[in-house]
Amino acid sequence: MTKTDQDPDTGAEHMPKMKTHRGMAKRIKVTGTGRLKRGTYVKKAVKLKRRRGRQLDVDPTNASTVRKQLGI
C-alpha cells in the first residue's frame, strides 16, 4: 500500500515520485533507440571482458520489469 500526501490548501492527494533502482541503473544502459543493453563490465578484468564479449540486449521477458525499475 502506498501512502499519499494531502495538500492542505487544495486537499488534492499527491503520490510520491518513483525512484530509479540505482543498482539496475548501473548495470543496464538504454540505447538511443530505446533498447536495453546489459553486460557493462566496468569493474571487471580485461581478460574477463574479452571472454564475455559484447553487450547483449535484455531478454524481452525481463524488459518490462527493468523499464519499471529504471523509471522509463
Protein backbone atom coordinates (compact mmCIF):
# COMPACT_ATOMS: atom_id res chain seq x y z
CA MET A 1 0.00 0.00 0.00
CA THR A 2 1.35 3.42 -0.93
CA LYS A 3 0.94 6.40 1.34
CA THR A 4 -0.30 9.62 -0.24
CA ASP A 5 0.11 13.17 1.00
CA GLN A 6 -2.68 15.72 1.01
CA ASP A 7 -2.11 19.32 0.05
CA PRO A 8 -3.50 21.44 2.93
CA ASP A 9 -4.65 24.23 0.58
CA THR A 10 -6.46 22.30 -2.13
CA GLY A 11 -6.99 18.94 -0.43
CA ALA A 12 -5.62 17.16 -3.50
CA GLU A 13 -3.65 13.98 -2.98
CA HIS A 14 -0.11 13.72 -4.34
CA MET A 15 1.60 10.41 -4.97
CA PRO A 16 5.29 10.21 -4.11
CA LYS A 17 7.76 10.26 -7.01
CA MET A 18 9.02 6.98 -8.42
CA LYS A 19 12.69 6.43 -7.63
CA THR A 20 15.12 4.80 -10.03
CA HIS A 21 16.56 1.48 -8.84
CA ARG A 22 20.20 2.56 -8.60
CA GLY A 23 21.67 -0.95 -8.83
CA MET A 24 19.75 -1.58 -12.04
CA ALA A 25 20.77 1.80 -13.47
CA LYS A 26 24.44 0.87 -13.03
CA ARG A 27 24.05 -2.44 -14.86
CA ILE A 28 21.70 -1.56 -17.73
CA LYS A 29 22.21 1.06 -20.43
CA VAL A 30 19.48 2.47 -22.70
CA THR A 31 20.44 2.96 -26.34
CA GLY A 32 19.38 5.93 -28.44
CA THR A 33 16.59 3.85 -29.98
CA GLY A 34 15.32 2.80 -26.54
CA ARG A 35 16.69 -0.74 -26.44
CA LEU A 36 18.08 -2.04 -23.16
CA LYS A 37 21.65 -3.36 -23.10
CA ARG A 38 23.19 -5.41 -20.31
CA GLY A 39 26.73 -6.56 -19.63
CA THR A 40 28.72 -3.46 -18.89
CA TYR A 41 31.75 -4.92 -17.16
CA VAL A 42 33.19 -1.68 -15.79
CA LYS A 43 34.95 -3.10 -12.75
CA LYS A 44 35.99 -6.40 -14.31
CA ALA A 45 39.38 -7.55 -15.53
CA VAL A 46 40.30 -7.07 -19.20
CA LYS A 47 40.68 -10.82 -19.68
CA LEU A 48 37.16 -11.43 -18.36
CA LYS A 49 35.69 -8.68 -20.56
CA ARG A 50 37.36 -10.20 -23.62
CA ARG A 51 35.94 -13.65 -22.85
CA ARG A 52 32.43 -12.36 -22.17
CA GLY A 53 32.30 -10.39 -25.42
CA ARG A 54 29.97 -7.58 -26.34
CA GLN A 55 26.92 -6.13 -24.62
CA LEU A 56 23.69 -8.04 -25.16
CA ASP A 57 20.06 -6.97 -25.24
CA VAL A 58 17.98 -7.54 -22.12
CA ASP A 59 15.69 -10.56 -22.52
CA PRO A 60 12.20 -9.48 -23.66
CA THR A 61 10.58 -11.32 -20.74
CA ASN A 62 12.52 -9.12 -18.30
CA ALA A 63 12.38 -5.87 -20.28
CA SER A 64 9.13 -4.58 -18.76
CA THR A 65 10.41 -5.14 -15.20
CA VAL A 66 13.70 -3.42 -16.00
CA ARG A 67 11.90 -0.45 -17.56
CA LYS A 68 9.76 0.00 -14.43
CA GLN A 69 12.82 -0.11 -12.18
CA LEU A 70 14.62 2.43 -14.36
CA GLY A 71 11.57 4.70 -14.45
CA ILE A 72 11.27 4.59 -18.24
